[in-house]
Amino acid sequence: MLLETVDLKKTYRTGKVDVEALRGVDIRIRAGELVAIMGPSGCGKSTLMHLLGAMVRATSGQVLVDGKDIARMNDSERTSVRRTKIGFVFQKLNLLPTLTARANIEIARTIQGSEGDATTDTYLAEILKLLKIDEKLDRKPSELSGGEQQRFAIARAVSHRPAIVLADEPTGALDSKNSEAVLQMFRELNRKFQQTILLVTHNPELAAYADRLIEMRDGLIVHDSGSITSAAASS
């Protein structure tokens, strides 16, 4: 199993009040799945994404990536997992406005330690062509449309060929036409490169692009269209 959580809980302290963002979440995700995680605002979707991406620590429970519990890792080990195994795409793109799209990607690759690798360069060229932005590398973000900026954010996130891509409301700031195009590109990335992709959204139309739908409410999973039982996982 590539990604798994076991009785995952996260509680935040707000003043004198404890807020239970996650109240015991169990999920099992195979390599190569395209999964949509849906639910109303405040249900725990983004908290789950941040825990899966080793960005915050759980209050209790396990987060297993390739069988290793990142919840028990120190900061250095968690950083290594983020750099080598995980790519992040968020609604807020965080593209550096004074740099070209090419430079934004190159900075990300430097941080990830993948610059200068011929295999990665070939892969990245395929990604840019697939996303239809290979001829716009020398433009700055202000010279790109919203949809094009989001595609570059995707390219940046997957430039080191991560096993897992986590996308938190990736189409939230896009119109319906650009949203559909971006979602289709996620599906093509999943099919062509067998990357495991988790898309967090409140948009029910996204479910049509996913192999599996997980629905959350009040910090719990209330529906999973492709849940994996222990027996099935061990067979």
C-alpha atoms as a PDB file:
ATOM      1  CA  MET A   1       0.000   0.000   0.000  1.00  0.00           C
ATOM      2  CA  LEU A   2       1.473   3.361  -1.040  1.00  0.00           C
ATOM      3  CA  LEU A   3      -0.449   5.612   1.335  1.00  0.00           C
ATOM      4  CA  GLU A   4      -2.380   4.711   4.475  1.00  0.00           C
ATOM      5  CA  THR A   5      -3.748   6.344   7.609  1.00  0.00           C
ATOM      6  CA  VAL A   6      -4.694   4.518  10.797  1.00  0.00           C
ATOM      7  CA  ASP A   7      -7.069   6.138  13.314  1.00  0.00           C
ATOM      8  CA  LEU A   8      -5.689   9.533  12.320  1.00  0.00           C
ATOM      9  CA  LYS A   9      -6.692  12.395  14.619  1.00  0.00           C
ATOM     10  CA  LYS A  10      -5.857  16.085  14.679  1.00  0.00           C
ATOM     11  CA  THR A  11      -6.973  18.550  17.345  1.00  0.00           C
ATOM     12  CA  TYR A  12      -6.282  22.276  17.205  1.00  0.00           C
ATOM     13  CA  ARG A  13      -6.325  24.563  20.221  1.00  0.00           C
ATOM     14  CA  THR A  14      -8.288  27.771  19.611  1.00  0.00           C
ATOM     15  CA  GLY A  15      -8.143  29.932  22.717  1.00  0.00           C
ATOM     16  CA  LYS A  16      -9.440  27.680  25.445  1.00  0.00           C
ATOM     17  CA  VAL A  17     -11.357  25.436  23.066  1.00  0.00           C
ATOM     18  CA  ASP A  18     -10.142  22.203  21.468  1.00  0.00           C
ATOM     19  CA  VAL A  19     -11.330  21.791  17.868  1.00  0.00           C
ATOM     20  CA  GLU A  20     -11.275  18.233  16.510  1.00  0.00           C
ATOM     21  CA  ALA A  21     -10.410  18.624  12.825  1.00  0.00           C
ATOM     22  CA  LEU A  22      -9.992  14.857  12.303  1.00  0.00           C
ATOM     23  CA  ARG A  23     -11.641  12.329  14.602  1.00  0.00           C
ATOM     24  CA  GLY A  24     -10.200   8.997  13.494  1.00  0.00           C
ATOM     25  CA  VAL A  25      -9.613   8.679   9.746  1.00  0.00           C
ATOM     26  CA  ASP A  26      -8.667   5.383   8.097  1.00  0.00           C
ATOM     27  CA  ILE A  27      -7.826   5.323   4.390  1.00  0.00           C
ATOM     28  CA  ARG A  28      -5.793   2.989   2.188  1.00  0.00           C
ATOM     29  CA  ILE A  29      -4.653   4.181  -1.239  1.00  0.00           C
ATOM     30  CA  ARG A  30      -2.930   2.058  -3.845  1.00  0.00           C
ATOM     31  CA  ALA A  31      -0.204   3.308  -6.168  1.00  0.00           C
ATOM     32  CA  GLY A  32      -1.652   4.788  -9.346  1.00  0.00           C
ATOM     33  CA  GLU A  33      -5.070   5.735  -7.976  1.00  0.00           C
ATOM     34  CA  LEU A  34      -6.762   9.040  -8.784  1.00  0.00           C
ATOM     35  CA  VAL A  35      -8.839   9.928  -5.722  1.00  0.00           C
ATOM     36  CA  ALA A  36     -11.219  12.823  -5.090  1.00  0.00           C
ATOM     37  CA  ILE A  37     -11.766  13.879  -1.474  1.00  0.00           C
ATOM     38  CA  MET A  38     -14.941  15.924  -1.041  1.00  0.00           C
ATOM     39  CA  GLY A  39     -16.952  17.525   1.719  1.00  0.00           C
ATOM     40  CA  PRO A  40     -18.258  20.855   3.006  1.00  0.00           C
ATOM     41  CA  SER A  41     -15.971  23.588   4.310  1.00  0.00           C
ATOM     42  CA  GLY A  42     -14.567  22.729   7.727  1.00  0.00           C
ATOM     43  CA  CYS A  43     -15.023  18.974   7.343  1.00  0.00           C
ATOM     44  CA  GLY A  44     -11.277  18.260   7.646  1.00  0.00           C
ATOM     45  CA  LYS A  45     -10.280  17.882   3.981  1.00  0.00           C
ATOM     46  CA  SER A  46      -7.372  20.320   4.039  1.00  0.00           C
ATOM     47  CA  THR A  47      -6.206  19.100   7.448  1.00  0.00           C
ATOM     48  CA  LEU A  48      -6.074  15.572   6.059  1.00  0.00           C
ATOM     49  CA  MET A  49      -4.101  16.806   3.040  1.00  0.00           C
ATOM     50  CA  HIS A  50      -1.552  18.591   5.252  1.00  0.00           C
ATOM     51  CA  LEU A  51      -1.078  15.462   7.358  1.00  0.00           C
ATOM     52  CA  LEU A  52      -0.683  13.226   4.303  1.00  0.00           C
ATOM     53  CA  GLY A  53       1.917  15.653   2.962  1.00  0.00           C
ATOM     54  CA  ALA A  54       3.954  15.675   6.197  1.00  0.00           C
ATOM     55  CA  MET A  55       3.317  19.399   6.590  1.00  0.00           C
ATOM     56  CA  VAL A  56       1.848  19.153  10.098  1.00  0.00           C
ATOM     57  CA  ARG A  57       1.969  16.536  12.837  1.00  0.00           C
ATOM     58  CA  ALA A  58      -0.989  14.407  13.863  1.00  0.00           C
ATOM     59  CA  THR A  59      -2.350  14.516  17.396  1.00  0.00           C
ATOM     60  CA  SER A  60      -2.485  10.715  17.256  1.00  0.00           C
ATOM     61  CA  GLY A  61      -2.631   7.887  14.745  1.00  0.00           C
ATOM     62  CA  GLN A  62      -0.413   6.926  11.808  1.00  0.00           C
ATOM     63  CA  VAL A  63       0.357   8.207   8.320  1.00  0.00           C
ATOM     64  CA  LEU A  64       2.177   5.509   6.347  1.00  0.00           C
ATOM     65  CA  VAL A  65       4.002   6.237   3.094  1.00  0.00           C
ATOM     66  CA  ASP A  66       5.453   3.064   1.563  1.00  0.00           C
ATOM     67  CA  GLY A  67       4.921   1.460   4.966  1.00  0.00           C
ATOM     68  CA  LYS A  68       6.919   4.092   6.865  1.00  0.00           C
ATOM     69  CA  ASP A  69       5.120   6.166   9.499  1.00  0.00           C
ATOM     70  CA  ILE A  70       5.874   9.813   8.747  1.00  0.00           C
ATOM     71  CA  ALA A  71       4.054  10.804  11.934  1.00  0.00           C
ATOM     72  CA  ARG A  72       6.980   9.349  13.894  1.00  0.00           C
ATOM     73  CA  MET A  73       9.738  10.928  11.795  1.00  0.00           C
ATOM     74  CA  ASN A  74      11.835  13.882  12.896  1.00  0.00           C
ATOM     75  CA  ASP A  75      11.723  17.171  10.965  1.00  0.00           C
ATOM     76  CA  SER A  76      14.665  16.268   8.730  1.00  0.00           C
ATOM     77  CA  GLU A  77      13.176  12.919   7.759  1.00  0.00           C
ATOM     78  CA  ARG A  78       9.788  14.478   7.069  1.00  0.00           C
ATOM     79  CA  THR A  79      11.407  17.115   4.869  1.00  0.00           C
ATOM     80  CA  SER A  80      13.146  14.379   2.903  1.00  0.00           C
ATOM     81  CA  VAL A  81       9.819  12.622   2.294  1.00  0.00           C
ATOM     82  CA  ARG A  82       8.252  15.865   1.055  1.00  0.00           C
ATOM     83  CA  ARG A  83      11.178  16.548  -1.285  1.00  0.00           C
ATOM     84  CA  THR A  84      11.402  13.099  -2.829  1.00  0.00           C
ATOM     85  CA  LYS A  85       7.966  11.503  -2.744  1.00  0.00           C
ATOM     86  CA  ILE A  86       5.315  14.232  -2.668  1.00  0.00           C
ATOM     87  CA  GLY A  87       4.236  17.062  -4.951  1.00  0.00           C
ATOM     88  CA  PHE A  88       1.858  19.809  -3.819  1.00  0.00           C
ATOM     89  CA  VAL A  89      -0.628  21.863  -5.838  1.00  0.00           C
ATOM     90  CA  PHE A  90      -2.665  24.475  -3.974  1.00  0.00           C
ATOM     91  CA  GLN A  91      -5.370  26.976  -4.890  1.00  0.00           C
ATOM     92  CA  LYS A  92      -2.919  29.755  -4.031  1.00  0.00           C
ATOM     93  CA  LEU A  93      -0.280  29.193  -6.702  1.00  0.00           C
ATOM     94  CA  ASN A  94       2.677  30.976  -5.044  1.00  0.00           C
ATOM     95  CA  LEU A  95       4.443  31.546  -8.356  1.00  0.00           C
ATOM     96  CA  LEU A  96       7.227  34.120  -7.913  1.00  0.00           C
ATOM     97  CA  PRO A  97       5.965  37.136  -9.915  1.00  0.00           C
ATOM     98  CA  THR A  98       9.358  38.573 -10.907  1.00  0.00           C
ATOM     99  CA  LEU A  99      10.597  35.290 -12.413  1.00  0.00           C
ATOM    100  CA  THR A 100       9.673  33.506 -15.604  1.00  0.00           C
ATOM    101  CA  ALA A 101       7.711  30.275 -15.504  1.00  0.00           C
ATOM    102  CA  ARG A 102      10.928  28.436 -16.383  1.00  0.00           C
ATOM    103  CA  ALA A 103      12.757  29.984 -13.416  1.00  0.00           C
ATOM    104  CA  ASN A 104       9.886  29.137 -11.072  1.00  0.00           C
ATOM    105  CA  ILE A 105      10.194  25.485 -12.058  1.00  0.00           C
ATOM    106  CA  GLU A 106      14.003  25.513 -11.888  1.00  0.00           C
ATOM    107  CA  ILE A 107      13.952  26.879  -8.329  1.00  0.00           C
ATOM    108  CA  ALA A 108      11.575  24.110  -7.288  1.00  0.00           C
ATOM    109  CA  ARG A 109      13.788  21.476  -8.904  1.00  0.00           C
ATOM    110  CA  THR A 110      16.846  22.856  -7.142  1.00  0.00           C
ATOM    111  CA  ILE A 111      15.096  22.587  -3.798  1.00  0.00           C
ATOM    112  CA  GLN A 112      14.011  19.051  -4.650  1.00  0.00           C
ATOM    113  CA  GLY A 113      17.534  18.102  -5.737  1.00  0.00           C
ATOM    114  CA  SER A 114      16.498  17.034  -9.237  1.00  0.00           C
ATOM    115  CA  GLU A 115      18.230  19.661 -11.364  1.00  0.00           C
ATOM    116  CA  GLY A 116      20.588  18.447 -14.078  1.00  0.00           C
ATOM    117  CA  ASP A 117      19.215  14.914 -14.220  1.00  0.00           C
ATOM    118  CA  ALA A 118      18.821  13.864 -17.864  1.00  0.00           C
ATOM    119  CA  THR A 119      16.013  11.412 -17.091  1.00  0.00           C
ATOM    120  CA  THR A 120      14.106  14.043 -15.191  1.00  0.00           C
ATOM    121  CA  ASP A 121      14.670  16.579 -17.981  1.00  0.00           C
ATOM    122  CA  THR A 122      13.077  14.225 -20.496  1.00  0.00           C
ATOM    123  CA  TYR A 123      10.186  13.582 -18.154  1.00  0.00           C
ATOM    124  CA  LEU A 124       9.718  17.314 -17.509  1.00  0.00           C
ATOM    125  CA  ALA A 125       9.661  18.022 -21.238  1.00  0.00           C
ATOM    126  CA  GLU A 126       6.836  15.503 -21.585  1.00  0.00           C
ATOM    127  CA  ILE A 127       4.972  17.105 -18.700  1.00  0.00           C
ATOM    128  CA  LEU A 128       5.223  20.596 -20.205  1.00  0.00           C
ATOM    129  CA  LYS A 129       4.002  19.329 -23.568  1.00  0.00           C
ATOM    130  CA  LEU A 130       1.143  17.414 -21.967  1.00  0.00           C
ATOM    131  CA  LEU A 131       0.078  20.545 -20.069  1.00  0.00           C
ATOM    132  CA  LYS A 132       0.376  22.584 -23.291  1.00  0.00           C
ATOM    133  CA  ILE A 133       2.716  25.161 -21.785  1.00  0.00           C
ATOM    134  CA  ASP A 134       6.025  24.106 -23.367  1.00  0.00           C
ATOM    135  CA  GLU A 135       6.095  27.247 -25.530  1.00  0.00           C
ATOM    136  CA  LYS A 136       5.385  29.657 -22.665  1.00  0.00           C
ATOM    137  CA  LEU A 137       8.320  28.959 -20.361  1.00  0.00           C
ATOM    138  CA  ASP A 138       9.845  32.418 -20.741  1.00  0.00           C
ATOM    139  CA  ARG A 139       6.739  34.321 -19.693  1.00  0.00           C
ATOM    140  CA  LYS A 140       6.222  35.765 -16.237  1.00  0.00           C
ATOM    141  CA  PRO A 141       3.055  34.879 -14.278  1.00  0.00           C
ATOM    142  CA  SER A 142       1.456  38.256 -15.128  1.00  0.00           C
ATOM    143  CA  GLU A 143       1.756  37.335 -18.817  1.00  0.00           C
ATOM    144  CA  LEU A 144      -0.155  34.066 -18.360  1.00  0.00           C
ATOM    145  CA  SER A 145      -3.856  33.362 -17.992  1.00  0.00           C
ATOM    146  CA  GLY A 146      -5.202  31.901 -14.750  1.00  0.00           C
ATOM    147  CA  GLY A 147      -5.445  28.468 -16.324  1.00  0.00           C
ATOM    148  CA  GLU A 148      -1.884  28.676 -17.641  1.00  0.00           C
ATOM    149  CA  GLN A 149      -0.594  29.735 -14.219  1.00  0.00           C
ATOM    150  CA  GLN A 150      -2.295  26.734 -12.641  1.00  0.00           C
ATOM    151  CA  ARG A 151      -0.741  24.426 -15.236  1.00  0.00           C
ATOM    152  CA  PHE A 152       2.699  25.792 -14.423  1.00  0.00           C
ATOM    153  CA  ALA A 153       1.957  25.246 -10.730  1.00  0.00           C
ATOM    154  CA  ILE A 154       1.162  21.621 -11.586  1.00  0.00           C
ATOM    155  CA  ALA A 155       4.352  21.279 -13.643  1.00  0.00           C
ATOM    156  CA  ARG A 156       6.373  22.713 -10.758  1.00  0.00           C
ATOM    157  CA  ALA A 157       4.751  20.298  -8.311  1.00  0.00           C
ATOM    158  CA  VAL A 158       5.504  17.202 -10.389  1.00  0.00           C
ATOM    159  CA  SER A 159       8.853  18.273 -11.863  1.00  0.00           C
ATOM    160  CA  HIS A 160      10.760  15.843  -9.584  1.00  0.00           C
ATOM    161  CA  ARG A 161       8.435  12.963 -10.540  1.00  0.00           C
ATOM    162  CA  PRO A 162       6.872  12.395  -7.109  1.00  0.00           C
ATOM    163  CA  ALA A 163       5.021   9.176  -6.377  1.00  0.00           C
ATOM    164  CA  ILE A 164       2.179  11.136  -4.753  1.00  0.00           C
ATOM    165  CA  VAL A 165       0.577  14.397  -5.897  1.00  0.00           C
ATOM    166  CA  LEU A 166      -1.645  16.262  -3.409  1.00  0.00           C
ATOM    167  CA  ALA A 167      -3.877  18.979  -4.859  1.00  0.00           C
ATOM    168  CA  ASP A 168      -5.920  21.136  -2.464  1.00  0.00           C
ATOM    169  CA  GLU A 169      -8.771  22.934  -4.267  1.00  0.00           C
ATOM    170  CA  PRO A 170      -6.662  23.223  -7.454  1.00  0.00           C
ATOM    171  CA  THR A 171      -9.520  24.669  -9.521  1.00  0.00           C
ATOM    172  CA  GLY A 172     -11.056  26.908  -6.853  1.00  0.00           C
ATOM    173  CA  ALA A 173      -9.909  30.133  -8.520  1.00  0.00           C
ATOM    174  CA  LEU A 174     -10.654  29.068 -12.113  1.00  0.00           C
ATOM    175  CA  ASP A 175     -13.712  29.427 -14.319  1.00  0.00           C
ATOM    176  CA  SER A 176     -15.557  26.305 -15.468  1.00  0.00           C
ATOM    177  CA  LYS A 177     -13.691  26.002 -18.778  1.00  0.00           C
ATOM    178  CA  ASN A 178     -10.232  26.233 -17.197  1.00  0.00           C
ATOM    179  CA  SER A 179     -11.325  23.981 -14.312  1.00  0.00           C
ATOM    180  CA  GLU A 180     -12.324  21.250 -16.727  1.00  0.00           C
ATOM    181  CA  ALA A 181      -9.057  21.581 -18.646  1.00  0.00           C
ATOM    182  CA  VAL A 182      -6.944  21.358 -15.472  1.00  0.00           C
ATOM    183  CA  LEU A 183      -8.877  18.345 -14.179  1.00  0.00           C
ATOM    184  CA  GLN A 184      -8.466  16.580 -17.507  1.00  0.00           C
ATOM    185  CA  MET A 185      -4.727  17.205 -17.296  1.00  0.00           C
ATOM    186  CA  PHE A 186      -4.576  15.674 -13.824  1.00  0.00           C
ATOM    187  CA  ARG A 187      -6.257  12.607 -15.271  1.00  0.00           C
ATOM    188  CA  GLU A 188      -3.769  12.449 -18.140  1.00  0.00           C
ATOM    189  CA  LEU A 189      -0.838  12.777 -15.706  1.00  0.00           C
ATOM    190  CA  ASN A 190      -2.282   9.921 -13.705  1.00  0.00           C
ATOM    191  CA  ARG A 191      -2.804   7.702 -16.736  1.00  0.00           C
ATOM    192  CA  LYS A 192       0.456   8.468 -18.534  1.00  0.00           C
ATOM    193  CA  PHE A 193       2.868   8.511 -15.598  1.00  0.00           C
ATOM    194  CA  GLN A 194       0.972   6.353 -13.071  1.00  0.00           C
ATOM    195  CA  GLN A 195       1.283   9.001 -10.379  1.00  0.00           C
ATOM    196  CA  THR A 196      -1.014   8.653  -7.388  1.00  0.00           C
ATOM    197  CA  ILE A 197      -3.129  11.815  -7.233  1.00  0.00           C
ATOM    198  CA  LEU A 198      -5.402  13.041  -4.431  1.00  0.00           C
ATOM    199  CA  LEU A 199      -7.649  15.964  -5.301  1.00  0.00           C
ATOM    200  CA  VAL A 200      -9.374  17.816  -2.455  1.00  0.00           C
ATOM    201  CA  THR A 201     -12.422  19.783  -3.545  1.00  0.00           C
ATOM    202  CA  HIS A 202     -15.938  20.907  -2.729  1.00  0.00           C
ATOM    203  CA  ASN A 203     -16.916  20.680  -6.414  1.00  0.00           C
ATOM    204  CA  PRO A 204     -18.994  17.553  -7.199  1.00  0.00           C
ATOM    205  CA  GLU A 205     -18.114  17.781 -10.891  1.00  0.00           C
ATOM    206  CA  LEU A 206     -14.567  16.764 -10.030  1.00  0.00           C
ATOM    207  CA  ALA A 207     -15.754  13.279  -9.041  1.00  0.00           C
ATOM    208  CA  ALA A 208     -16.279  12.427 -12.706  1.00  0.00           C
ATOM    209  CA  TYR A 209     -12.517  12.657 -13.261  1.00  0.00           C
ATOM    210  CA  ALA A 210     -11.569  10.402 -10.344  1.00  0.00           C
ATOM    211  CA  ASP A 211     -11.414   6.637 -10.020  1.00  0.00           C
ATOM    212  CA  ARG A 212     -12.556   6.851  -6.428  1.00  0.00           C
ATOM    213  CA  LEU A 213     -14.538   9.269  -4.295  1.00  0.00           C
ATOM    214  CA  ILE A 214     -14.011   9.786  -0.571  1.00  0.00           C
ATOM    215  CA  GLU A 215     -16.537  11.999   1.213  1.00  0.00           C
ATOM    216  CA  MET A 216     -15.856  13.646   4.584  1.00  0.00           C
ATOM    217  CA  ARG A 217     -18.029  15.307   7.190  1.00  0.00           C
ATOM    218  CA  ASP A 218     -17.211  16.560  10.680  1.00  0.00           C
ATOM    219  CA  GLY A 219     -13.671  15.129  10.658  1.00  0.00           C
ATOM    220  CA  LEU A 220     -14.736  11.649   9.581  1.00  0.00           C
ATOM    221  CA  ILE A 221     -15.015   9.683   6.347  1.00  0.00           C
ATOM    222  CA  VAL A 222     -18.691   9.054   5.672  1.00  0.00           C
ATOM    223  CA  HIS A 223     -18.374   7.421   2.247  1.00  0.00           C
ATOM    224  CA  ASP A 224     -15.600   5.751   0.248  1.00  0.00           C
ATOM    225  CA  SER A 225     -16.525   4.403  -3.183  1.00  0.00           C
ATOM    226  CA  GLY A 226     -13.360   2.300  -3.367  1.00  0.00           C
ATOM    227  CA  SER A 227     -12.509   1.412   0.229  1.00  0.00           C
ATOM    228  CA  ILE A 228      -9.908  -1.316   0.588  1.00  0.00           C
ATOM    229  CA  THR A 229     -10.554  -3.902   3.243  1.00  0.00           C
ATOM    230  CA  SER A 230      -7.706  -5.525   5.121  1.00  0.00           C
ATOM    231  CA  ALA A 231      -8.482  -8.839   3.457  1.00  0.00           C
ATOM    232  CA  ALA A 232      -8.418  -7.336  -0.021  1.00  0.00           C
ATOM    233  CA  ALA A 233      -5.218  -5.437   0.712  1.00  0.00           C
ATOM    234  CA  SER A 234      -3.415  -8.564   1.844  1.00  0.00           C
ATOM    235  CA  SER A 235      -4.542 -10.728  -1.083  1.00  0.00           C
END
